Structures are given as structure tokens and as C-alpha cells.
Amino acid sequence: MTWILTNIWTIVVALILIAIVTLIIIKLIKDKKKGKSSCGCNCGSCPMSGSCHSAQKK
């Protein structure tokens, strides 16, 4: 119990970070299922624009 009380703020920060990362991953998975891209789709300034979305264009 002493260890928990000594490190309570470290534990709280770690739990907050885990929650944030989990929410980001859930959003990415939902966007992927909806067919959205995580790259932002600003292909005009991307050097890989010719190969990134070539499967969708076909």
C-alpha cells in the first residue's frame, strides 16, 4: 500500500496516457471500417501520391 501511495501520480498519469492511446486506436479502427484514410488525403503535397491510393482509383 505504501508503494501505491508513493507512486500515485505516476499511476494516474500512466492511466490517462493509456486511455488516450486507447481512444486514438479505437478512432483509427472506426475510421478504417468507414473507409477513411488516416493520412489526411492531401495528396497534392505528398511525394507518394501516385502509389498511396492507387488501389482505390482502380
N, C-alpha and C. Protein backbone atom coordinates (compact mmCIF):
# COMPACT_ATOMS: atom_id res chain seq x y z
N MET A 1 0.82 -1.19 0.00
CA MET A 1 0.00 0.00 0.00
C MET A 1 0.87 1.25 0.00
N THR A 2 2.00 1.19 0.64
CA THR A 2 2.90 2.34 0.68
C THR A 2 3.43 2.65 -0.71
N TRP A 3 3.73 1.62 -1.48
CA TRP A 3 4.25 1.82 -2.83
C TRP A 3 3.22 2.55 -3.70
N ILE A 4 1.96 2.17 -3.57
CA ILE A 4 0.89 2.80 -4.34
C ILE A 4 0.76 4.27 -3.95
N LEU A 5 0.78 4.56 -2.68
CA LEU A 5 0.67 5.94 -2.23
C LEU A 5 1.88 6.78 -2.65
N THR A 6 3.03 6.17 -2.68
CA THR A 6 4.24 6.88 -3.09
C THR A 6 4.22 7.21 -4.58
N ASN A 7 3.66 6.33 -5.38
CA ASN A 7 3.67 6.49 -6.83
C ASN A 7 2.30 6.81 -7.42
N ILE A 8 1.41 7.39 -6.65
CA ILE A 8 0.04 7.61 -7.11
C ILE A 8 -0.02 8.49 -8.34
N TRP A 9 0.78 9.55 -8.41
CA TRP A 9 0.71 10.46 -9.56
C TRP A 9 1.28 9.81 -10.81
N THR A 10 2.28 8.98 -10.65
CA THR A 10 2.81 8.24 -11.80
C THR A 10 1.76 7.28 -12.34
N ILE A 11 1.04 6.63 -11.45
CA ILE A 11 -0.01 5.70 -11.84
C ILE A 11 -1.14 6.46 -12.53
N VAL A 12 -1.53 7.61 -12.00
CA VAL A 12 -2.61 8.40 -12.59
C VAL A 12 -2.23 8.86 -13.99
N VAL A 13 -1.02 9.38 -14.17
CA VAL A 13 -0.56 9.84 -15.48
C VAL A 13 -0.50 8.67 -16.46
N ALA A 14 -0.02 7.52 -16.01
CA ALA A 14 0.06 6.35 -16.88
C ALA A 14 -1.35 5.91 -17.32
N LEU A 15 -2.31 5.91 -16.42
CA LEU A 15 -3.68 5.54 -16.76
C LEU A 15 -4.30 6.53 -17.75
N ILE A 16 -4.02 7.81 -17.58
CA ILE A 16 -4.52 8.82 -18.51
C ILE A 16 -3.92 8.60 -19.90
N LEU A 17 -2.62 8.35 -19.96
CA LEU A 17 -1.97 8.10 -21.25
C LEU A 17 -2.49 6.83 -21.92
N ILE A 18 -2.72 5.80 -21.14
CA ILE A 18 -3.28 4.56 -21.69
C ILE A 18 -4.68 4.82 -22.24
N ALA A 19 -5.48 5.61 -21.54
CA ALA A 19 -6.83 5.94 -22.01
C ALA A 19 -6.78 6.73 -23.31
N ILE A 20 -5.87 7.69 -23.42
CA ILE A 20 -5.74 8.50 -24.63
C ILE A 20 -5.33 7.63 -25.81
N VAL A 21 -4.34 6.79 -25.62
CA VAL A 21 -3.87 5.91 -26.70
C VAL A 21 -4.98 4.95 -27.11
N THR A 22 -5.72 4.43 -26.16
CA THR A 22 -6.82 3.52 -26.46
C THR A 22 -7.90 4.23 -27.29
N LEU A 23 -8.23 5.46 -26.93
CA LEU A 23 -9.23 6.21 -27.69
C LEU A 23 -8.75 6.50 -29.11
N ILE A 24 -7.48 6.80 -29.27
CA ILE A 24 -6.92 7.05 -30.60
C ILE A 24 -7.00 5.79 -31.45
N ILE A 25 -6.64 4.66 -30.87
CA ILE A 25 -6.68 3.40 -31.61
C ILE A 25 -8.12 3.05 -31.99
N ILE A 26 -9.07 3.26 -31.09
CA ILE A 26 -10.48 2.99 -31.40
C ILE A 26 -10.95 3.87 -32.55
N LYS A 27 -10.57 5.15 -32.53
CA LYS A 27 -10.97 6.05 -33.61
C LYS A 27 -10.36 5.63 -34.93
N LEU A 28 -9.11 5.22 -34.93
CA LEU A 28 -8.46 4.76 -36.17
C LEU A 28 -9.15 3.51 -36.72
N ILE A 29 -9.54 2.61 -35.84
CA ILE A 29 -10.22 1.39 -36.28
C ILE A 29 -11.59 1.73 -36.86
N LYS A 30 -12.33 2.63 -36.20
CA LYS A 30 -13.64 3.03 -36.72
C LYS A 30 -13.50 3.72 -38.07
N ASP A 31 -12.50 4.60 -38.20
CA ASP A 31 -12.28 5.29 -39.47
C ASP A 31 -11.90 4.31 -40.57
N LYS A 32 -11.11 3.32 -40.23
CA LYS A 32 -10.70 2.31 -41.21
C LYS A 32 -11.92 1.52 -41.70
N LYS A 33 -12.83 1.18 -40.79
CA LYS A 33 -14.03 0.44 -41.17
C LYS A 33 -14.95 1.29 -42.05
N LYS A 34 -14.93 2.62 -41.85
CA LYS A 34 -15.75 3.51 -42.65
C LYS A 34 -15.10 3.83 -43.99
N GLY A 35 -13.85 3.39 -44.17
CA GLY A 35 -13.15 3.64 -45.42
C GLY A 35 -12.37 4.93 -45.45
N LYS A 36 -12.26 5.58 -44.32
CA LYS A 36 -11.50 6.82 -44.25
C LYS A 36 -10.01 6.50 -44.14
N SER A 37 -9.19 7.43 -44.60
CA SER A 37 -7.75 7.24 -44.54
C SER A 37 -7.19 8.04 -43.36
N SER A 38 -6.15 7.55 -42.76
CA SER A 38 -5.54 8.25 -41.63
C SER A 38 -4.47 9.24 -42.07
N CYS A 39 -4.20 9.30 -43.36
CA CYS A 39 -3.12 10.18 -43.84
C CYS A 39 -3.58 11.61 -44.05
N GLY A 40 -4.87 11.89 -44.10
CA GLY A 40 -5.37 13.23 -44.32
C GLY A 40 -5.77 13.48 -45.75
N CYS A 41 -5.32 12.64 -46.67
CA CYS A 41 -5.69 12.68 -48.08
C CYS A 41 -5.37 14.00 -48.76
N ASN A 42 -4.32 14.67 -48.35
CA ASN A 42 -3.85 15.86 -49.05
C ASN A 42 -2.75 15.40 -49.99
N CYS A 43 -3.13 14.70 -51.04
CA CYS A 43 -2.17 14.02 -51.90
C CYS A 43 -1.39 14.98 -52.80
N GLY A 44 -1.83 16.22 -52.91
CA GLY A 44 -1.14 17.17 -53.77
C GLY A 44 0.27 17.47 -53.31
N SER A 45 0.51 17.42 -52.02
CA SER A 45 1.84 17.74 -51.50
C SER A 45 2.60 16.50 -51.04
N CYS A 46 2.06 15.32 -51.30
CA CYS A 46 2.68 14.08 -50.85
C CYS A 46 3.54 13.48 -51.95
N PRO A 47 4.80 13.13 -51.66
CA PRO A 47 5.64 12.53 -52.68
C PRO A 47 5.21 11.11 -53.06
N MET A 48 4.39 10.47 -52.26
CA MET A 48 3.91 9.11 -52.54
C MET A 48 2.49 9.11 -53.10
N SER A 49 2.03 10.25 -53.59
CA SER A 49 0.63 10.36 -54.02
C SER A 49 0.27 9.40 -55.15
N GLY A 50 1.23 9.03 -55.97
CA GLY A 50 0.93 8.13 -57.07
C GLY A 50 0.71 6.69 -56.65
N SER A 51 1.26 6.30 -55.51
CA SER A 51 1.16 4.90 -55.11
C SER A 51 0.31 4.69 -53.86
N CYS A 52 0.04 5.70 -53.12
CA CYS A 52 -0.67 5.57 -51.85
C CYS A 52 -2.11 5.11 -52.05
N HIS A 53 -2.84 5.76 -52.93
CA HIS A 53 -4.25 5.47 -53.10
C HIS A 53 -4.54 4.85 -54.47
N SER A 54 -3.57 4.17 -55.01
CA SER A 54 -3.76 3.59 -56.34
C SER A 54 -4.79 2.47 -56.33
N ALA A 55 -4.95 1.76 -55.25
CA ALA A 55 -5.93 0.67 -55.18
C ALA A 55 -7.36 1.22 -55.20
N GLN A 56 -7.58 2.40 -54.64
CA GLN A 56 -8.91 2.99 -54.63
C GLN A 56 -9.29 3.54 -56.00
N LYS A 57 -8.30 3.96 -56.79
CA LYS A 57 -8.57 4.55 -58.08
C LYS A 57 -8.96 3.50 -59.11
N LYS A 58 -8.59 2.25 -58.91
CA LYS A 58 -8.85 1.20 -59.89
C LYS A 58 -10.25 0.74 -59.88
